[in-house]
């Protein structure tokens, strides 16, 4: 730390509190952290740094002003009108690696994706449940990575988050796109370049062009199909759809003069780089999915999964749900908006949410009625008028819910009288898994 404080060009870049911290550390004992340097692990800088980004809107306010001004001119907005920038896409990122070795242990590949994939909800949730990673200093094996997969970060069952997320995605008809980071196939190292390109690309596409149905119908996305290799069935369809050469030509040209030189044919079809690595990567993913799903059955939290989620978990663990595979039309229909709204299990979610809101308003009314009895209320008339309003709100909650019941998230209809619950938590012998 003493050496850092003596590098004046470096030291002067810090804020005053950080300067004081660094100077104090030069005379004290123990461990000090410099926000500009990675952690030291076994005498060397860690290979897993935590990134700190400087806010460009603060460091380059002129660029922010010009960007907003351009948007105002294009939208024909006056200076007194708000210029909003809504989120038009949420794309997941996946970290891919080629086959490697770490401390003598072999690391299987995950570099089977091309730059941009689309997955329908059944395949997308297989990925979300599993959260596969291969090479990371903090990994404990494929299918267990991600902060929310660790108990200390998420002490409730994974089905709580997964149910809510699935319902919200079905209701909003979310398009499950994901971009690649790390490697595309074993030969092309891209780090986070594709992830940084995607926002630039997405904002140059119209809402219709960003629609996955439109992309599939017009040849911008192609399905990845299962195939047989050396007598084994390879479940490549779990990768969903991937972008085509036509996508690169029509959309990446809005960023690059020669997009085919940036995204070439080998990147679009990673199996052309090395078919054995491609096959091993898909089998690695499928095995990790099975491993992750089986934990839901061991824990017993499969019972709390809504029907579409339960179907996905069964397919991940055992390859079928009631004898039907994931591509069965009856299974696919469970993930449609109409099926969700008309289902009895979604109605239970709505009733649970209704009962919780009514209970909340009853507590609010009880609190206000108690408040009215306290000495020192300045205006009894105003207080009574205030107290009547929540009574009317609580009494009309049920009628209001009849009008609002469609198209909302609802609540998980769990019963705490279930013997698997103790004081709102599962029995200690049950192992919890968070959302991966």
Protein backbone atom coordinates (compact mmCIF):
# COMPACT_ATOMS: atom_id res chain seq x y z
CA UNK A 1 0.00 0.00 0.00
CA UNK A 2 2.95 2.31 0.71
CA UNK A 3 4.17 1.90 -2.85
CA UNK A 4 0.73 2.79 -4.20
CA UNK A 5 0.55 6.02 -2.18
CA UNK A 6 3.96 7.06 -3.49
CA UNK A 7 2.84 6.75 -7.13
CA UNK A 8 1.53 10.31 -7.28
CA UNK A 9 -0.06 10.10 -10.73
CA UNK A 10 -1.97 7.02 -9.53
CA UNK A 11 -2.69 8.19 -5.98
CA UNK A 12 -4.15 11.57 -7.05
CA UNK A 13 -6.93 9.83 -8.99
CA UNK A 14 -8.62 8.63 -5.78
CA UNK A 15 -11.28 10.42 -3.77
CA UNK A 16 -10.34 11.98 -0.44
CA UNK A 17 -11.86 9.19 1.70
CA UNK A 18 -9.96 6.56 -0.28
CA UNK A 19 -6.73 8.53 -0.01
CA UNK A 20 -7.15 8.69 3.77
CA UNK A 21 -7.85 4.96 3.92
CA UNK A 22 -4.70 4.17 1.91
CA UNK A 23 -2.52 6.48 3.99
CA UNK A 24 -3.85 5.02 7.23
CA UNK A 25 -3.07 1.55 5.90
CA UNK A 26 0.59 2.40 5.41
CA UNK A 27 1.07 2.82 9.15
CA UNK A 28 -1.37 0.23 10.47
CA UNK A 29 -1.46 -3.54 10.54
CA UNK A 30 -3.78 -6.08 8.97
CA UNK A 31 -5.33 -6.21 5.51
CA UNK A 32 -6.21 -3.18 3.39
CA UNK A 33 -8.14 -3.11 0.14
CA UNK A 34 -7.43 -0.73 -2.73
CA UNK A 35 -10.48 -0.28 -4.95
CA UNK A 36 -8.32 -0.05 -8.10
CA UNK A 37 -6.40 -3.29 -7.60
CA UNK A 38 -7.52 -6.95 -7.68
CA UNK A 39 -7.27 -9.16 -4.62
CA UNK A 40 -3.99 -10.93 -3.94
CA UNK A 41 -4.37 -14.71 -3.73
CA UNK A 42 -1.28 -16.73 -2.78
CA UNK A 43 0.93 -13.77 -3.62
CA UNK A 44 -0.57 -13.20 -7.07
CA UNK A 45 -3.41 -11.01 -8.39
CA UNK A 46 -6.62 -13.01 -8.53
CA UNK A 47 -7.81 -14.30 -11.89
CA UNK A 48 -11.38 -13.51 -10.84
CA UNK A 49 -11.43 -9.72 -10.35
CA UNK A 50 -14.51 -7.70 -9.52
CA UNK A 51 -14.99 -4.94 -12.06
CA UNK A 52 -15.74 -1.31 -11.21
CA UNK A 53 -17.15 0.72 -14.08
CA UNK A 54 -16.79 4.46 -14.28
CA UNK A 55 -20.18 5.98 -15.09
CA UNK A 56 -19.83 7.50 -18.57
CA UNK A 57 -22.81 9.81 -18.01
CA UNK A 58 -20.83 11.46 -15.21
CA UNK A 59 -17.38 11.46 -16.77
CA UNK A 60 -18.62 12.50 -20.25
CA UNK A 61 -21.77 14.57 -19.71
CA UNK A 62 -21.47 16.09 -23.20
CA UNK A 63 -21.96 12.67 -24.83
CA UNK A 64 -25.05 12.04 -22.69
CA UNK A 65 -26.47 15.45 -23.60
CA UNK A 66 -25.93 14.93 -27.34
CA UNK A 67 -27.48 11.44 -27.20
CA UNK A 68 -30.58 12.77 -25.46
CA UNK A 69 -30.78 15.73 -27.81
CA UNK A 70 -30.68 13.41 -30.82
CA UNK A 71 -33.51 11.34 -29.36
CA UNK A 72 -35.55 14.50 -28.71
CA UNK A 73 -35.12 15.72 -32.28
CA UNK A 74 -36.04 12.31 -33.71
CA UNK A 75 -39.15 12.03 -31.50
CA UNK A 76 -40.03 15.71 -31.95
CA UNK A 77 -40.10 16.38 -28.20
CA UNK A 78 -39.94 19.89 -26.74
CA UNK A 79 -37.52 20.73 -23.95
CA UNK A 80 -40.28 20.59 -21.34
CA UNK A 81 -41.37 17.06 -22.32
CA UNK A 82 -39.81 14.01 -20.67
CA UNK A 83 -37.45 12.00 -22.87
CA UNK A 84 -37.73 8.45 -21.62
CA UNK A 85 -35.58 5.48 -22.61
CA UNK A 86 -37.56 2.32 -21.84
CA UNK A 87 -35.91 -1.09 -21.61
CA UNK A 88 -36.74 -2.89 -24.85
CA UNK A 89 -34.89 -6.14 -24.23
CA UNK A 90 -33.44 -8.26 -21.46
CA UNK A 91 -30.93 -10.79 -22.78
CA UNK A 92 -29.18 -13.34 -20.61
CA UNK A 93 -25.46 -13.91 -20.93
CA UNK A 94 -23.70 -17.26 -20.84
CA UNK A 95 -20.04 -17.92 -20.13
CA UNK A 96 -18.62 -20.58 -22.45
CA UNK A 97 -15.29 -22.36 -22.26
CA UNK A 98 -13.35 -24.87 -24.38
CA UNK A 99 -12.02 -28.10 -22.86
CA UNK A 100 -9.31 -27.28 -20.36
CA UNK A 101 -7.60 -28.46 -17.21
CA UNK A 102 -7.46 -26.80 -13.79
CA UNK A 103 -5.27 -28.13 -10.98
CA UNK A 104 -5.11 -31.50 -12.68
CA UNK A 105 -8.89 -31.78 -13.11
CA UNK A 106 -10.34 -31.85 -16.60
CA UNK A 107 -12.88 -29.17 -17.43
CA UNK A 108 -15.44 -30.21 -20.01
CA UNK A 109 -16.46 -27.78 -22.76
CA UNK A 110 -19.48 -25.51 -22.90
CA UNK A 111 -18.59 -23.64 -26.11
CA UNK A 112 -21.52 -25.02 -28.11
CA UNK A 113 -23.46 -21.77 -28.60
CA UNK A 114 -23.13 -19.30 -31.44
CA UNK A 115 -23.18 -15.54 -30.73
CA UNK A 116 -26.93 -15.25 -30.14
CA UNK A 117 -29.51 -17.90 -29.24
CA UNK A 118 -33.25 -17.88 -28.67
CA UNK A 119 -34.89 -20.51 -26.47
CA UNK A 120 -38.58 -21.06 -25.92
CA UNK A 121 -39.58 -21.14 -22.26
CA UNK A 122 -39.19 -24.92 -21.64
CA UNK A 123 -35.57 -24.94 -22.87
CA UNK A 124 -34.86 -21.53 -21.37
CA UNK A 125 -35.92 -22.71 -17.92
CA UNK A 126 -33.76 -25.81 -18.20
CA UNK A 127 -30.86 -23.39 -18.57
CA UNK A 128 -32.03 -21.12 -15.75
CA UNK A 129 -32.59 -24.00 -13.33
CA UNK A 130 -29.19 -25.46 -14.08
CA UNK A 131 -27.08 -22.30 -14.58
CA UNK A 132 -24.21 -24.23 -16.15
CA UNK A 133 -20.67 -22.99 -15.90
CA UNK A 134 -17.44 -24.78 -16.57
CA UNK A 135 -14.35 -22.75 -15.81
CA UNK A 136 -14.46 -20.30 -12.94
CA UNK A 137 -12.29 -19.95 -9.81
CA UNK A 138 -15.45 -20.11 -7.68
CA UNK A 139 -17.13 -23.01 -9.44
CA UNK A 140 -18.10 -26.21 -7.68
CA UNK A 141 -19.01 -28.07 -10.82
CA UNK A 142 -21.26 -27.61 -13.82
CA UNK A 143 -24.81 -26.84 -12.80
CA UNK A 144 -24.04 -25.28 -9.41
CA UNK A 145 -22.65 -21.85 -10.26
CA UNK A 146 -24.38 -18.53 -9.70
CA UNK A 147 -24.84 -16.50 -6.53
CA UNK A 148 -28.49 -17.46 -6.04
CA UNK A 149 -27.66 -21.16 -6.16
CA UNK A 150 -25.87 -20.82 -2.82
CA UNK A 151 -27.89 -21.24 0.36
CA UNK A 152 -26.49 -18.15 2.16
CA UNK A 153 -27.75 -15.93 -0.67
CA UNK A 154 -31.22 -17.44 -0.93
CA UNK A 155 -32.69 -19.21 2.07
CA UNK A 156 -36.03 -20.06 0.47
CA UNK A 157 -36.83 -22.83 -1.97
CA UNK A 158 -35.90 -22.38 -5.61
CA UNK A 159 -39.49 -22.97 -6.67
CA UNK A 160 -40.56 -19.66 -5.09
CA UNK A 161 -38.42 -17.66 -7.51
CA UNK A 162 -38.89 -20.02 -10.44
CA UNK A 163 -42.70 -20.04 -10.16
CA UNK A 164 -42.83 -16.24 -10.08
CA UNK A 165 -40.38 -15.86 -12.93
CA UNK A 166 -42.15 -18.41 -15.12
CA UNK A 167 -45.58 -16.85 -14.58
CA UNK A 168 -44.24 -13.36 -15.33
CA UNK A 169 -42.51 -14.55 -18.51
CA UNK A 170 -45.61 -16.37 -19.76
CA UNK A 171 -47.82 -13.35 -19.06
CA UNK A 172 -45.46 -10.90 -20.78
CA UNK A 173 -44.62 -13.39 -23.57
CA UNK A 174 -40.94 -12.88 -22.89
CA UNK A 175 -38.48 -13.77 -25.68
CA UNK A 176 -35.63 -15.78 -24.18
CA UNK A 177 -32.55 -14.52 -26.02
CA UNK A 178 -29.02 -15.04 -24.70
CA UNK A 179 -25.59 -13.92 -25.88
CA UNK A 180 -22.28 -15.77 -25.70
CA UNK A 181 -19.21 -14.73 -23.73
CA UNK A 182 -15.83 -16.37 -23.40
CA UNK A 183 -15.60 -18.69 -26.39
CA UNK A 184 -17.69 -19.47 -29.47
CA UNK A 185 -16.57 -22.96 -30.30
CA UNK A 186 -13.10 -24.00 -29.15
CA UNK A 187 -11.30 -21.78 -31.66
CA UNK A 188 -12.79 -18.30 -31.18
CA UNK A 189 -12.16 -16.42 -27.96
CA UNK A 190 -14.53 -13.44 -27.75
CA UNK A 191 -14.42 -12.58 -24.02
CA UNK A 192 -17.28 -10.07 -23.51
CA UNK A 193 -17.13 -8.56 -27.00
CA UNK A 194 -20.44 -10.10 -28.11
CA UNK A 195 -22.14 -9.07 -24.86
CA UNK A 196 -21.08 -5.48 -25.48
CA UNK A 197 -22.23 -5.61 -29.10
CA UNK A 198 -25.74 -6.87 -28.34
CA UNK A 199 -27.09 -3.59 -26.85
CA UNK A 200 -25.72 -1.71 -29.87
CA UNK A 201 -27.38 -4.23 -32.17
CA UNK A 202 -30.70 -4.45 -30.29
CA UNK A 203 -31.27 -0.69 -30.24
CA UNK A 204 -30.85 -0.60 -34.03
CA UNK A 205 -33.62 -3.16 -34.57
CA UNK A 206 -37.33 -2.40 -34.70
CA UNK A 207 -39.78 -4.05 -32.27
CA UNK A 208 -40.96 -6.31 -35.08
CA UNK A 209 -37.38 -7.32 -35.93
CA UNK A 210 -36.73 -8.21 -32.28
CA UNK A 211 -39.74 -10.53 -32.21
CA UNK A 212 -38.52 -14.18 -32.21
CA UNK A 213 -41.56 -15.33 -34.22
CA UNK A 214 -40.70 -12.83 -36.93
CA UNK A 215 -37.07 -13.98 -36.89
CA UNK A 216 -37.98 -17.65 -37.24
CA UNK A 217 -40.48 -17.05 -40.03
CA UNK A 218 -37.99 -14.96 -42.01
CA UNK A 219 -34.95 -17.20 -41.65
CA UNK A 220 -33.04 -15.12 -39.12
CA UNK A 221 -33.12 -17.99 -36.59
CA UNK A 222 -32.61 -21.70 -37.24
CA UNK A 223 -33.44 -24.57 -34.84
CA UNK A 224 -30.70 -26.74 -33.42
CA UNK A 225 -31.99 -30.29 -33.80
CA UNK A 226 -31.16 -33.49 -31.94
CA UNK A 227 -28.83 -35.82 -33.83
CA UNK A 228 -27.12 -39.16 -33.44
CA UNK A 229 -23.38 -39.45 -32.89
CA UNK A 230 -21.54 -42.76 -32.54
CA UNK A 231 -24.79 -44.48 -31.59
CA UNK A 232 -25.76 -41.87 -28.95
CA UNK A 233 -28.72 -39.49 -29.15
CA UNK A 234 -27.40 -35.94 -28.64
CA UNK A 235 -30.07 -33.57 -27.19
CA UNK A 236 -28.91 -30.54 -29.17
CA UNK A 237 -32.46 -29.16 -29.30
CA UNK A 238 -31.97 -27.87 -25.76
CA UNK A 239 -29.86 -25.12 -27.30
CA UNK A 240 -33.02 -23.74 -28.92
CA UNK A 241 -32.59 -21.53 -31.99
CA UNK A 242 -29.46 -19.71 -33.17
CA UNK A 243 -28.86 -16.78 -35.51
CA UNK A 244 -28.13 -17.43 -39.18
CA UNK A 245 -25.95 -15.88 -41.87
CA UNK A 246 -28.99 -13.88 -42.99
CA UNK A 247 -29.27 -12.36 -39.49
CA UNK A 248 -25.61 -11.33 -39.58
CA UNK A 249 -25.96 -9.84 -43.08
CA UNK A 250 -29.19 -7.90 -42.41
CA UNK A 251 -28.62 -6.68 -38.83
CA UNK A 252 -24.91 -6.64 -38.03
CA UNK A 253 -24.36 -4.50 -41.14
CA UNK A 254 -25.92 -1.69 -39.12
CA UNK A 255 -22.76 -1.72 -37.01
CA UNK A 256 -20.04 -3.16 -39.29
CA UNK A 257 -19.17 -2.53 -42.95
CA UNK A 258 -18.30 -6.19 -43.44
CA UNK A 259 -20.22 -8.16 -40.78
CA UNK A 260 -19.31 -11.58 -42.23
CA UNK A 261 -15.68 -10.96 -41.34
CA UNK A 262 -16.69 -10.38 -37.69
CA UNK A 263 -19.21 -13.24 -37.37
CA UNK A 264 -18.09 -15.98 -39.75
CA UNK A 265 -19.63 -19.36 -40.66
CA UNK A 266 -17.56 -21.27 -38.07
CA UNK A 267 -18.89 -19.03 -35.31
CA UNK A 268 -22.45 -19.48 -36.51
CA UNK A 269 -22.05 -23.28 -36.44
CA UNK A 270 -19.55 -24.21 -33.71
CA UNK A 271 -19.88 -27.92 -34.54
CA UNK A 272 -17.92 -27.20 -37.73
CA UNK A 273 -14.87 -26.34 -35.61
CA UNK A 274 -14.75 -29.66 -33.76
CA UNK A 275 -17.69 -32.07 -33.68
CA UNK A 276 -16.30 -34.10 -30.74
CA UNK A 277 -16.01 -31.01 -28.55
CA UNK A 278 -19.49 -29.92 -29.65
CA UNK A 279 -20.97 -33.28 -28.67
CA UNK A 280 -19.13 -33.39 -25.35
CA UNK A 281 -20.35 -29.88 -24.53
CA UNK A 282 -24.00 -30.75 -25.16
CA UNK A 283 -23.73 -33.95 -23.12
CA UNK A 284 -22.05 -31.97 -20.34
CA UNK A 285 -24.98 -29.55 -20.30
CA UNK A 286 -27.59 -32.34 -20.34
CA UNK A 287 -25.86 -34.18 -17.48
CA UNK A 288 -25.63 -30.99 -15.42
CA UNK A 289 -29.33 -30.33 -16.03
CA UNK A 290 -30.21 -33.80 -14.81
CA UNK A 291 -28.02 -33.40 -11.74
CA UNK A 292 -29.62 -30.06 -10.86
CA UNK A 293 -33.19 -31.27 -11.39
CA UNK A 294 -32.79 -34.39 -9.25
CA UNK A 295 -32.03 -32.18 -6.24
CA UNK A 296 -35.56 -30.77 -6.44
CA UNK A 297 -36.94 -34.29 -6.01
CA UNK A 298 -34.52 -35.13 -3.18
CA UNK A 299 -35.43 -31.94 -1.31
CA UNK A 300 -39.14 -32.44 -1.87
CA UNK A 301 -39.60 -28.91 -3.23
CA UNK A 302 -40.81 -30.37 -6.52
CA UNK A 303 -44.22 -30.42 -4.78
CA UNK A 304 -44.21 -26.60 -4.70
CA UNK A 305 -43.52 -26.24 -8.43
CA UNK A 306 -46.34 -25.03 -10.67
CA UNK A 307 -47.38 -27.54 -13.39
CA UNK A 308 -45.27 -26.13 -16.27
CA UNK A 309 -42.20 -25.93 -14.03
CA UNK A 310 -42.88 -29.44 -12.71
CA UNK A 311 -42.99 -30.73 -16.30
CA UNK A 312 -39.60 -29.13 -17.07
CA UNK A 313 -38.01 -30.58 -13.93
CA UNK A 314 -39.32 -34.06 -14.72
CA UNK A 315 -37.94 -33.90 -18.26
CA UNK A 316 -34.57 -32.67 -16.98
CA UNK A 317 -34.37 -35.42 -14.38
CA UNK A 318 -36.00 -38.38 -16.14
CA UNK A 319 -36.36 -37.42 -19.80
CA UNK A 320 -40.18 -37.32 -19.80
CA UNK A 321 -43.24 -36.04 -17.95
CA UNK A 322 -46.12 -38.53 -17.71
CA UNK A 323 -44.60 -40.36 -20.65
CA UNK A 324 -44.36 -37.21 -22.79
CA UNK A 325 -41.14 -35.59 -23.97
CA UNK A 326 -40.50 -31.86 -23.89
CA UNK A 327 -41.47 -31.43 -27.56
CA UNK A 328 -44.93 -32.94 -27.05
CA UNK A 329 -47.64 -30.43 -28.08
CA UNK A 330 -49.48 -30.97 -24.79
CA UNK A 331 -46.35 -29.98 -22.83
CA UNK A 332 -45.66 -26.96 -25.05
CA UNK A 333 -49.26 -25.76 -24.63
CA UNK A 334 -48.72 -25.45 -20.86
CA UNK A 335 -46.41 -22.48 -21.52
CA UNK A 336 -48.93 -20.37 -23.45
CA UNK A 337 -50.60 -17.29 -22.02
CA UNK A 338 -54.13 -18.55 -22.64
CA UNK A 339 -53.43 -21.85 -20.86
CA UNK A 340 -51.97 -19.97 -17.88
CA UNK A 341 -54.91 -17.59 -17.49
CA UNK A 342 -57.47 -20.40 -17.74
CA UNK A 343 -55.63 -22.80 -15.40
CA UNK A 344 -56.85 -23.69 -11.92
CA UNK A 345 -53.35 -23.42 -10.44
CA UNK A 346 -53.05 -19.81 -11.60
CA UNK A 347 -56.48 -19.11 -10.09
CA UNK A 348 -55.11 -20.38 -6.78
CA UNK A 349 -52.23 -17.93 -7.09
CA UNK A 350 -54.67 -15.08 -7.61
CA UNK A 351 -56.82 -16.10 -4.64
CA UNK A 352 -53.72 -16.34 -2.44
CA UNK A 353 -52.64 -12.85 -3.49
CA UNK A 354 -56.17 -11.59 -2.85
CA UNK A 355 -56.27 -13.05 0.67
CA UNK A 356 -52.88 -11.52 1.47
CA UNK A 357 -53.93 -8.05 0.31
CA UNK A 358 -57.20 -8.23 2.25
CA UNK A 359 -55.28 -9.28 5.36
CA UNK A 360 -52.89 -6.38 4.82
CA UNK A 361 -55.73 -3.87 4.61
CA UNK A 362 -57.37 -5.30 7.70
CA UNK A 363 -54.10 -4.75 9.58
CA UNK A 364 -53.98 -1.20 8.23
CA UNK A 365 -57.54 -0.55 9.43
CA UNK A 366 -56.78 -2.00 12.87
CA UNK A 367 -53.71 0.23 13.12
CA UNK A 368 -55.67 3.36 12.19
CA UNK A 369 -58.52 2.51 14.56
CA UNK A 370 -55.97 2.13 17.34
CA UNK A 371 -54.49 5.47 16.30
CA UNK A 372 -57.90 7.15 16.64
CA UNK A 373 -58.04 6.14 20.30
CA UNK A 374 -54.73 7.76 21.16
CA UNK A 375 -54.67 11.08 23.00
CA UNK A 376 -53.42 14.12 21.18
CA UNK A 377 -55.17 13.67 17.84
CA UNK A 378 -55.53 17.26 16.62
CA UNK A 379 -58.54 16.89 14.34
CA UNK A 380 -60.88 14.08 15.29
CA UNK A 381 -63.07 14.73 12.25
CA UNK A 382 -60.19 14.45 9.80
CA UNK A 383 -58.91 11.35 11.55
CA UNK A 384 -62.30 9.65 11.36
CA UNK A 385 -62.58 10.53 7.67
CA UNK A 386 -59.10 9.09 7.18
CA UNK A 387 -60.10 5.96 9.08
CA UNK A 388 -63.24 5.41 6.98
CA UNK A 389 -61.28 5.29 3.74
CA UNK A 390 -59.30 2.11 4.48
CA UNK A 391 -62.50 0.44 5.76
CA UNK A 392 -64.06 1.08 2.37
CA UNK A 393 -60.87 -0.08 0.64
CA UNK A 394 -60.73 -3.28 2.66
CA UNK A 395 -64.41 -3.98 2.11
CA UNK A 396 -64.15 -3.39 -1.62
CA UNK A 397 -60.96 -5.40 -2.10
CA UNK A 398 -62.82 -8.52 -3.20
CA UNK A 399 -64.87 -6.65 -5.78
CA UNK A 400 -61.74 -4.96 -7.06
CA UNK A 401 -59.99 -8.29 -7.44
CA UNK A 402 -62.81 -9.61 -9.63
CA UNK A 403 -61.89 -6.89 -12.11
CA UNK A 404 -58.11 -7.30 -11.78
CA UNK A 405 -57.78 -11.04 -11.62
CA UNK A 406 -56.44 -11.59 -15.12
CA UNK A 407 -52.87 -10.92 -16.13
CA UNK A 408 -51.24 -10.37 -12.73
CA UNK A 409 -48.51 -12.35 -10.99
CA UNK A 410 -50.48 -13.64 -7.98
CA UNK A 411 -48.80 -15.40 -5.07
CA UNK A 412 -47.35 -18.82 -4.29
CA UNK A 413 -50.22 -20.81 -2.69
CA UNK A 414 -48.14 -22.58 -0.05
CA UNK A 415 -49.71 -23.81 3.16
CA UNK A 416 -47.72 -23.44 6.37
CA UNK A 417 -49.75 -26.24 7.90
CA UNK A 418 -47.80 -28.57 5.63
CA UNK A 419 -45.71 -30.85 7.91
CA UNK A 420 -42.66 -29.96 5.86
CA UNK A 421 -42.80 -26.45 7.29
CA UNK A 422 -41.59 -25.36 10.71
CA UNK A 423 -42.16 -21.68 11.57
CA UNK A 424 -42.25 -20.81 7.89
CA UNK A 425 -39.08 -22.77 7.05
CA UNK A 426 -38.47 -26.32 6.04
CA UNK A 427 -37.28 -28.89 8.51
CA UNK A 428 -33.50 -28.74 9.07
CA UNK A 429 -32.84 -32.12 7.48
CA UNK A 430 -34.16 -30.80 4.18
CA UNK A 431 -31.45 -29.24 2.02
CA UNK A 432 -32.44 -26.01 0.31
CA UNK A 433 -31.44 -25.04 -3.18
CA UNK A 434 -31.73 -21.47 -4.36
CA UNK A 435 -32.60 -20.32 -7.86
CA UNK A 436 -29.69 -20.99 -10.18
